[in-house]
Structure formats: structure tokens, C-alpha cells
Amino acid sequence: MKFINIKGLNDVYPENIEGTNEWYYSKLPSYSTYDFYDAERVVNCGKNFEGMNCILIHYPDGEVHRPFELKENVYVDAPIYFNELLYFLIVDFNNKRIQIVSYNAKNRLKSNLADLPLSDVENCYNLMLKPSPITLIHEPNDGFLNIIWPEKKKIRIRANEIMMFRDNDNLFCSEWYENPEYHERVIVRDWNTGDIKKIIERQMNRMPNGDIWIT
């Protein structure tokens, strides 16, 4: 059995990033349970949020990448992986901005894809990135899927439905229901109209090579 000592880290729990078997992430500080919405509430109360950062750990060598620094009132969320790049969603509550940054781990280069005013969203509840292409969405649980970037639009969805990914003009959503036991299925909607094209009574998972497994 081989033991690898990940240097420079203490008390972190690496979590796998969907779509790759090569990269893991960990949020810092690890003891914090804050999400975007929690941080937003702290700042809106006139207090300072200590910040949330995200590090990357490469498999199998355990090499650590630190694309960002921990900053007060700045939240760096866990990345998503798409087309060999890692994409981070960042909310800077100091400057009231939302940023989308890509990270090329091969050369450690970052690129800014979007810099949006925080006022583009009513609040940060369920603010997240999805593939593909990279899309910023807001799911406030009000019966709509709000697309914030790269275009602005609203798509009516069911209360127990969440976006998984987009493929051209197809929007794939996961829906859970109880009948009487818990089940999940896939709702395929038209990206332009929001109409349901078909319902797949199975589950989908995005694999490291880009394939979608239907199980």
C-alpha cells in the first residue's frame, strides 16, 4: 500500500469533481458550512464574512493547486469541469460583483469569462454554474430556472426539478418524486421554449470522458 503525504494541507476532505477522475477539490476553511446565501446574509447585516476559498488536488500525485487566495467577503465556490478546464464561480461581496473564471491546470493560467454586477440576481440562493456551454443559473425555487449568463432568460420548471446540463437546444433536468418511494427521472426540455420534449424514467451521470451514462 502506498501512502502519499499531501504537503501544506491540514484537516481537509478532498471531494471528487464530476466529469473528471483527475481532480479533487476542498473548500477552505474546511470547518465552515457557509454557502453563497449564508455569506450574503452576513454581509447584508453589516458584518464581515471571513471568506471562502477552494483548492485543487491532482490525482494520482497529490499535487496541490491554489488558483485563488482567501479574501474577506469573497466566496470562491467548488469548480465544475468541462473540456479539460476547471470553472469557478466567485462572488465578491466587497465590490458587489459575480465572476466566472476558467483555470487551465496544465499551465496554471486563469481567464476571466464574465464579470457581472451582483444586482443581476435577486439573491445568491442556489446560484451555480452548469455545463455545457458554461452557464450561470439561479434556482430560487419559485417555479423558474433563471439563466443569468451567457444569456438572460427564464424557463418555467417544476418545484422538484433542477438543471443538470445543456446539450445544444436540449435542457436536461433531474426531477425527484415519491410514488410512494423516492425516485428520480430526467426531464428533457426545449432550451428555447421550455416545453417538455420527453421524460426518461432513469438517471444520468456525466463521466470523465464526457459520456453520459443512463442508469
C-alpha atoms as a PDB file:
ATOM      1  CA  MET A   1       0.000   0.000   0.000  1.00  0.00           C
ATOM      2  CA  LYS A   2       1.344   3.421  -0.992  1.00  0.00           C
ATOM      3  CA  PHE A   3       0.905   6.441   1.267  1.00  0.00           C
ATOM      4  CA  ILE A   4       1.131   9.962  -0.189  1.00  0.00           C
ATOM      5  CA  ASN A   5       1.561  12.882   2.173  1.00  0.00           C
ATOM      6  CA  ILE A   6      -0.248  15.913   0.721  1.00  0.00           C
ATOM      7  CA  LYS A   7       2.015  18.722   1.843  1.00  0.00           C
ATOM      8  CA  GLY A   8       0.736  22.079   3.004  1.00  0.00           C
ATOM      9  CA  LEU A   9      -2.751  20.848   3.903  1.00  0.00           C
ATOM     10  CA  ASN A  10      -4.290  20.105   7.246  1.00  0.00           C
ATOM     11  CA  ASP A  11      -7.746  18.837   8.137  1.00  0.00           C
ATOM     12  CA  VAL A  12      -9.210  18.928   4.627  1.00  0.00           C
ATOM     13  CA  TYR A  13     -11.530  16.461   2.936  1.00  0.00           C
ATOM     14  CA  PRO A  14     -10.892  16.132  -0.828  1.00  0.00           C
ATOM     15  CA  GLU A  15     -14.048  15.713  -2.890  1.00  0.00           C
ATOM     16  CA  ASN A  16     -14.253  14.479  -6.465  1.00  0.00           C
ATOM     17  CA  ILE A  17     -15.198  16.896  -9.256  1.00  0.00           C
ATOM     18  CA  GLU A  18     -17.877  15.499 -11.567  1.00  0.00           C
ATOM     19  CA  GLY A  19     -16.663  14.797 -15.082  1.00  0.00           C
ATOM     20  CA  THR A  20     -13.025  14.059 -14.223  1.00  0.00           C
ATOM     21  CA  ASN A  21     -11.141  11.353 -12.341  1.00  0.00           C
ATOM     22  CA  GLU A  22      -8.042  13.554 -12.231  1.00  0.00           C
ATOM     23  CA  TRP A  23      -9.054  16.406  -9.929  1.00  0.00           C
ATOM     24  CA  TYR A  24     -10.351  16.792  -6.403  1.00  0.00           C
ATOM     25  CA  TYR A  25     -11.263  19.960  -4.539  1.00  0.00           C
ATOM     26  CA  SER A  26     -11.538  21.120  -0.973  1.00  0.00           C
ATOM     27  CA  LYS A  27     -13.086  24.281   0.429  1.00  0.00           C
ATOM     28  CA  LEU A  28     -11.151  26.334   2.959  1.00  0.00           C
ATOM     29  CA  PRO A  29     -11.741  26.936   5.769  1.00  0.00           C
ATOM     30  CA  SER A  30     -12.929  23.344   5.993  1.00  0.00           C
ATOM     31  CA  TYR A  31     -14.951  23.915   9.162  1.00  0.00           C
ATOM     32  CA  SER A  32     -17.204  26.495   7.510  1.00  0.00           C
ATOM     33  CA  THR A  33     -20.635  25.362   6.358  1.00  0.00           C
ATOM     34  CA  TYR A  34     -21.445  28.649   4.635  1.00  0.00           C
ATOM     35  CA  ASP A  35     -22.798  28.741   1.113  1.00  0.00           C
ATOM     36  CA  PHE A  36     -23.283  31.819  -1.085  1.00  0.00           C
ATOM     37  CA  TYR A  37     -26.587  32.667   0.548  1.00  0.00           C
ATOM     38  CA  ASP A  38     -25.218  32.399   4.086  1.00  0.00           C
ATOM     39  CA  ALA A  39     -22.303  34.675   3.231  1.00  0.00           C
ATOM     40  CA  GLU A  40     -24.659  37.159   1.598  1.00  0.00           C
ATOM     41  CA  ARG A  41     -26.838  37.334   4.714  1.00  0.00           C
ATOM     42  CA  VAL A  42     -23.803  38.044   6.913  1.00  0.00           C
ATOM     43  CA  VAL A  43     -22.638  40.875   4.657  1.00  0.00           C
ATOM     44  CA  ASN A  44     -26.147  42.320   4.350  1.00  0.00           C
ATOM     45  CA  CYS A  45     -26.287  42.500   8.152  1.00  0.00           C
ATOM     46  CA  GLY A  46     -23.289  44.829   8.098  1.00  0.00           C
ATOM     47  CA  LYS A  47     -20.799  42.206   9.254  1.00  0.00           C
ATOM     48  CA  ASN A  48     -17.729  40.750   7.559  1.00  0.00           C
ATOM     49  CA  PHE A  49     -17.601  37.220   6.183  1.00  0.00           C
ATOM     50  CA  GLU A  50     -14.186  35.589   6.685  1.00  0.00           C
ATOM     51  CA  GLY A  51     -14.154  34.371   3.087  1.00  0.00           C
ATOM     52  CA  MET A  52     -14.277  31.003   1.367  1.00  0.00           C
ATOM     53  CA  ASN A  53     -11.519  29.645  -0.837  1.00  0.00           C
ATOM     54  CA  CYS A  54     -11.135  26.481  -2.913  1.00  0.00           C
ATOM     55  CA  ILE A  55      -8.005  24.435  -3.567  1.00  0.00           C
ATOM     56  CA  LEU A  56      -7.401  21.690  -6.126  1.00  0.00           C
ATOM     57  CA  ILE A  57      -5.620  18.379  -5.591  1.00  0.00           C
ATOM     58  CA  HIS A  58      -4.372  16.395  -8.582  1.00  0.00           C
ATOM     59  CA  TYR A  59      -4.690  12.617  -8.752  1.00  0.00           C
ATOM     60  CA  PRO A  60      -2.600  10.467  -8.529  1.00  0.00           C
ATOM     61  CA  ASP A  61       0.409  12.571  -7.463  1.00  0.00           C
ATOM     62  CA  GLY A  62      -1.372  14.724  -4.857  1.00  0.00           C
ATOM     63  CA  GLU A  63      -0.069  18.000  -6.288  1.00  0.00           C
ATOM     64  CA  VAL A  64      -1.907  20.983  -4.791  1.00  0.00           C
ATOM     65  CA  HIS A  65      -3.051  23.955  -6.858  1.00  0.00           C
ATOM     66  CA  ARG A  66      -4.147  27.216  -5.244  1.00  0.00           C
ATOM     67  CA  PRO A  67      -5.661  29.344  -8.031  1.00  0.00           C
ATOM     68  CA  PHE A  68      -7.036  31.899  -5.540  1.00  0.00           C
ATOM     69  CA  GLU A  69      -6.276  33.382  -2.139  1.00  0.00           C
ATOM     70  CA  LEU A  70      -8.642  33.531   0.803  1.00  0.00           C
ATOM     71  CA  LYS A  71     -10.098  37.048   0.987  1.00  0.00           C
ATOM     72  CA  GLU A  72     -12.588  38.592   3.358  1.00  0.00           C
ATOM     73  CA  ASN A  73     -16.109  38.851   1.930  1.00  0.00           C
ATOM     74  CA  VAL A  74     -15.129  36.860  -1.179  1.00  0.00           C
ATOM     75  CA  TYR A  75     -16.625  33.416  -1.819  1.00  0.00           C
ATOM     76  CA  VAL A  76     -14.907  31.002  -4.257  1.00  0.00           C
ATOM     77  CA  ASP A  77     -17.188  28.054  -4.954  1.00  0.00           C
ATOM     78  CA  ALA A  78     -16.260  24.479  -5.861  1.00  0.00           C
ATOM     79  CA  PRO A  79     -15.380  24.222  -9.563  1.00  0.00           C
ATOM     80  CA  ILE A  80     -17.069  22.376 -12.394  1.00  0.00           C
ATOM     81  CA  TYR A  81     -15.079  20.552 -15.064  1.00  0.00           C
ATOM     82  CA  PHE A  82     -15.707  20.860 -18.784  1.00  0.00           C
ATOM     83  CA  ASN A  83     -13.487  20.351 -21.848  1.00  0.00           C
ATOM     84  CA  GLU A  84     -10.296  19.930 -19.764  1.00  0.00           C
ATOM     85  CA  LEU A  85     -10.776  23.214 -17.915  1.00  0.00           C
ATOM     86  CA  LEU A  86     -11.987  23.988 -14.405  1.00  0.00           C
ATOM     87  CA  TYR A  87     -14.527  26.767 -13.959  1.00  0.00           C
ATOM     88  CA  PHE A  88     -15.009  28.723 -10.754  1.00  0.00           C
ATOM     89  CA  LEU A  89     -17.932  30.883  -9.666  1.00  0.00           C
ATOM     90  CA  ILE A  90     -16.823  33.747  -7.404  1.00  0.00           C
ATOM     91  CA  VAL A  91     -18.927  36.299  -5.578  1.00  0.00           C
ATOM     92  CA  ASP A  92     -17.046  39.374  -4.377  1.00  0.00           C
ATOM     93  CA  PHE A  93     -19.318  40.990  -1.801  1.00  0.00           C
ATOM     94  CA  ASN A  94     -16.837  43.843  -1.303  1.00  0.00           C
ATOM     95  CA  ASN A  95     -17.239  45.064  -4.867  1.00  0.00           C
ATOM     96  CA  LYS A  96     -20.694  43.516  -5.417  1.00  0.00           C
ATOM     97  CA  ARG A  97     -19.554  41.524  -8.432  1.00  0.00           C
ATOM     98  CA  ILE A  98     -20.080  37.998  -9.767  1.00  0.00           C
ATOM     99  CA  GLN A  99     -17.134  36.486 -11.628  1.00  0.00           C
ATOM    100  CA  ILE A 100     -16.721  33.348 -13.711  1.00  0.00           C
ATOM    101  CA  VAL A 101     -13.101  32.283 -14.058  1.00  0.00           C
ATOM    102  CA  SER A 102     -11.632  29.366 -16.006  1.00  0.00           C
ATOM    103  CA  TYR A 103      -8.477  27.637 -14.819  1.00  0.00           C
ATOM    104  CA  ASN A 104      -6.111  25.673 -17.061  1.00  0.00           C
ATOM    105  CA  ALA A 105      -4.276  23.401 -14.660  1.00  0.00           C
ATOM    106  CA  LYS A 106      -1.664  22.421 -17.271  1.00  0.00           C
ATOM    107  CA  ASN A 107      -0.158  25.909 -17.319  1.00  0.00           C
ATOM    108  CA  ARG A 108      -1.867  27.290 -14.182  1.00  0.00           C
ATOM    109  CA  LEU A 109      -3.414  30.125 -16.171  1.00  0.00           C
ATOM    110  CA  LYS A 110      -6.699  31.792 -15.261  1.00  0.00           C
ATOM    111  CA  SER A 111      -9.052  33.575 -17.649  1.00  0.00           C
ATOM    112  CA  ASN A 112     -11.982  35.815 -16.769  1.00  0.00           C
ATOM    113  CA  LEU A 113     -15.083  34.748 -18.673  1.00  0.00           C
ATOM    114  CA  ALA A 114     -17.606  37.064 -17.061  1.00  0.00           C
ATOM    115  CA  ASP A 115     -17.769  39.928 -14.586  1.00  0.00           C
ATOM    116  CA  LEU A 116     -21.355  40.758 -13.677  1.00  0.00           C
ATOM    117  CA  PRO A 117     -22.988  43.074 -11.158  1.00  0.00           C
ATOM    118  CA  LEU A 118     -24.352  41.256  -8.124  1.00  0.00           C
ATOM    119  CA  SER A 119     -27.614  43.106  -8.753  1.00  0.00           C
ATOM    120  CA  ASP A 120     -28.203  40.773 -11.730  1.00  0.00           C
ATOM    121  CA  VAL A 121     -29.603  38.291  -9.205  1.00  0.00           C
ATOM    122  CA  GLU A 122     -32.203  38.941  -6.532  1.00  0.00           C
ATOM    123  CA  ASN A 123     -30.147  36.904  -4.060  1.00  0.00           C
ATOM    124  CA  CYS A 124     -27.430  34.236  -4.072  1.00  0.00           C
ATOM    125  CA  TYR A 125     -29.662  31.298  -3.124  1.00  0.00           C
ATOM    126  CA  ASN A 126     -28.877  28.329  -5.419  1.00  0.00           C
ATOM    127  CA  LEU A 127     -26.516  30.363  -7.600  1.00  0.00           C
ATOM    128  CA  MET A 128     -24.331  27.938  -9.566  1.00  0.00           C
ATOM    129  CA  LEU A 129     -22.518  27.042 -12.785  1.00  0.00           C
ATOM    130  CA  LYS A 130     -23.645  24.295 -15.159  1.00  0.00           C
ATOM    131  CA  PRO A 131     -22.289  22.871 -18.455  1.00  0.00           C
ATOM    132  CA  SER A 132     -22.458  22.914 -21.489  1.00  0.00           C
ATOM    133  CA  PRO A 133     -21.651  25.565 -22.548  1.00  0.00           C
ATOM    134  CA  ILE A 134     -20.740  27.039 -19.172  1.00  0.00           C
ATOM    135  CA  THR A 135     -23.923  28.621 -17.885  1.00  0.00           C
ATOM    136  CA  LEU A 136     -24.647  30.666 -14.772  1.00  0.00           C
ATOM    137  CA  ILE A 137     -28.025  29.820 -13.321  1.00  0.00           C
ATOM    138  CA  HIS A 138     -30.122  30.898 -10.359  1.00  0.00           C
ATOM    139  CA  GLU A 139     -32.699  28.479  -8.950  1.00  0.00           C
ATOM    140  CA  PRO A 140     -34.662  30.418  -6.336  1.00  0.00           C
ATOM    141  CA  ASN A 141     -37.289  27.650  -6.024  1.00  0.00           C
ATOM    142  CA  ASP A 142     -40.023  29.932  -7.354  1.00  0.00           C
ATOM    143  CA  GLY A 143     -41.058  27.735 -10.268  1.00  0.00           C
ATOM    144  CA  PHE A 144     -38.493  29.171 -12.684  1.00  0.00           C
ATOM    145  CA  LEU A 145     -34.973  28.397 -13.782  1.00  0.00           C
ATOM    146  CA  ASN A 146     -33.233  31.753 -14.170  1.00  0.00           C
ATOM    147  CA  ILE A 147     -30.453  31.841 -16.744  1.00  0.00           C
ATOM    148  CA  ILE A 148     -28.085  34.694 -15.884  1.00  0.00           C
ATOM    149  CA  TRP A 149     -25.169  34.140 -18.308  1.00  0.00           C
ATOM    150  CA  PRO A 150     -24.241  33.867 -21.198  1.00  0.00           C
ATOM    151  CA  GLU A 151     -27.802  34.937 -21.926  1.00  0.00           C
ATOM    152  CA  LYS A 152     -30.678  36.092 -19.770  1.00  0.00           C
ATOM    153  CA  LYS A 153     -33.908  34.148 -19.780  1.00  0.00           C
ATOM    154  CA  LYS A 154     -36.411  32.341 -17.574  1.00  0.00           C
ATOM    155  CA  ILE A 155     -37.656  28.793 -18.049  1.00  0.00           C
ATOM    156  CA  ARG A 156     -40.609  27.520 -16.063  1.00  0.00           C
ATOM    157  CA  ILE A 157     -39.808  24.260 -14.275  1.00  0.00           C
ATOM    158  CA  ARG A 158     -41.401  22.170 -11.547  1.00  0.00           C
ATOM    159  CA  ALA A 159     -40.640  22.784  -7.884  1.00  0.00           C
ATOM    160  CA  ASN A 160     -38.798  19.451  -7.526  1.00  0.00           C
ATOM    161  CA  GLU A 161     -36.790  19.870 -10.744  1.00  0.00           C
ATOM    162  CA  ILE A 162     -33.181  21.059 -11.093  1.00  0.00           C
ATOM    163  CA  MET A 163     -30.959  21.674 -14.109  1.00  0.00           C
ATOM    164  CA  MET A 164     -28.261  19.089 -14.849  1.00  0.00           C
ATOM    165  CA  PHE A 165     -26.710  20.256 -18.136  1.00  0.00           C
ATOM    166  CA  ARG A 166     -27.488  21.600 -21.578  1.00  0.00           C
ATOM    167  CA  ASP A 167     -26.768  19.907 -24.899  1.00  0.00           C
ATOM    168  CA  ASN A 168     -27.416  22.243 -27.846  1.00  0.00           C
ATOM    169  CA  ASP A 169     -31.159  23.012 -27.680  1.00  0.00           C
ATOM    170  CA  ASN A 170     -31.880  20.309 -25.120  1.00  0.00           C
ATOM    171  CA  LEU A 171     -32.072  21.207 -21.432  1.00  0.00           C
ATOM    172  CA  PHE A 172     -31.650  18.169 -19.186  1.00  0.00           C
ATOM    173  CA  CYS A 173     -33.167  18.427 -15.718  1.00  0.00           C
ATOM    174  CA  SER A 174     -33.383  15.960 -12.854  1.00  0.00           C
ATOM    175  CA  GLU A 175     -36.720  15.563 -11.110  1.00  0.00           C
ATOM    176  CA  TRP A 176     -37.355  13.706  -7.878  1.00  0.00           C
ATOM    177  CA  TYR A 177     -40.736  12.374  -6.814  1.00  0.00           C
ATOM    178  CA  GLU A 178     -42.283   9.901  -4.390  1.00  0.00           C
ATOM    179  CA  ASN A 179     -44.704   7.293  -5.702  1.00  0.00           C
ATOM    180  CA  PRO A 180     -44.750   6.152  -2.911  1.00  0.00           C
ATOM    181  CA  GLU A 181     -40.967   5.626  -2.646  1.00  0.00           C
ATOM    182  CA  TYR A 182     -38.309   8.126  -3.679  1.00  0.00           C
ATOM    183  CA  HIS A 183     -37.447   8.126  -7.401  1.00  0.00           C
ATOM    184  CA  GLU A 184     -35.509  10.315  -9.822  1.00  0.00           C
ATOM    185  CA  ARG A 185     -36.019  10.799 -13.529  1.00  0.00           C
ATOM    186  CA  VAL A 186     -34.769  13.064 -16.308  1.00  0.00           C
ATOM    187  CA  ILE A 187     -36.899  15.785 -17.889  1.00  0.00           C
ATOM    188  CA  VAL A 188     -35.690  16.909 -21.313  1.00  0.00           C
ATOM    189  CA  ARG A 189     -36.893  20.404 -22.184  1.00  0.00           C
ATOM    190  CA  ASP A 190     -36.561  22.640 -25.202  1.00  0.00           C
ATOM    191  CA  TRP A 191     -33.971  25.297 -24.361  1.00  0.00           C
ATOM    192  CA  ASN A 192     -35.797  27.960 -26.360  1.00  0.00           C
ATOM    193  CA  THR A 193     -39.390  27.351 -25.244  1.00  0.00           C
ATOM    194  CA  GLY A 194     -39.056  25.389 -22.008  1.00  0.00           C
ATOM    195  CA  ASP A 195     -41.534  22.810 -23.300  1.00  0.00           C
ATOM    196  CA  ILE A 196     -41.022  19.194 -22.245  1.00  0.00           C
ATOM    197  CA  LYS A 197     -39.701  17.077 -25.114  1.00  0.00           C
ATOM    198  CA  LYS A 198     -39.581  13.774 -23.264  1.00  0.00           C
ATOM    199  CA  ILE A 199     -39.343  12.178 -19.848  1.00  0.00           C
ATOM    200  CA  ILE A 200     -36.736   9.486 -19.191  1.00  0.00           C
ATOM    201  CA  GLU A 201     -37.583   7.247 -16.249  1.00  0.00           C
ATOM    202  CA  ARG A 202     -33.918   6.721 -15.424  1.00  0.00           C
ATOM    203  CA  GLN A 203     -30.907   8.666 -14.098  1.00  0.00           C
ATOM    204  CA  MET A 204     -27.953  10.246 -15.899  1.00  0.00           C
ATOM    205  CA  ASN A 205     -24.346  10.726 -14.791  1.00  0.00           C
ATOM    206  CA  ARG A 206     -21.574  12.645 -16.561  1.00  0.00           C
ATOM    207  CA  MET A 207     -18.434  10.504 -16.844  1.00  0.00           C
ATOM    208  CA  PRO A 208     -14.756  11.583 -17.028  1.00  0.00           C
ATOM    209  CA  ASN A 209     -14.557  11.062 -20.812  1.00  0.00           C
ATOM    210  CA  GLY A 210     -17.607  13.280 -21.404  1.00  0.00           C
ATOM    211  CA  ASP A 211     -20.047  10.433 -21.941  1.00  0.00           C
ATOM    212  CA  ILE A 212     -23.410  10.428 -20.190  1.00  0.00           C
ATOM    213  CA  TRP A 213     -24.300   7.155 -18.508  1.00  0.00           C
ATOM    214  CA  ILE A 214     -28.023   6.391 -18.341  1.00  0.00           C
ATOM    215  CA  THR A 215     -28.756   4.002 -15.482  1.00  0.00           C
END
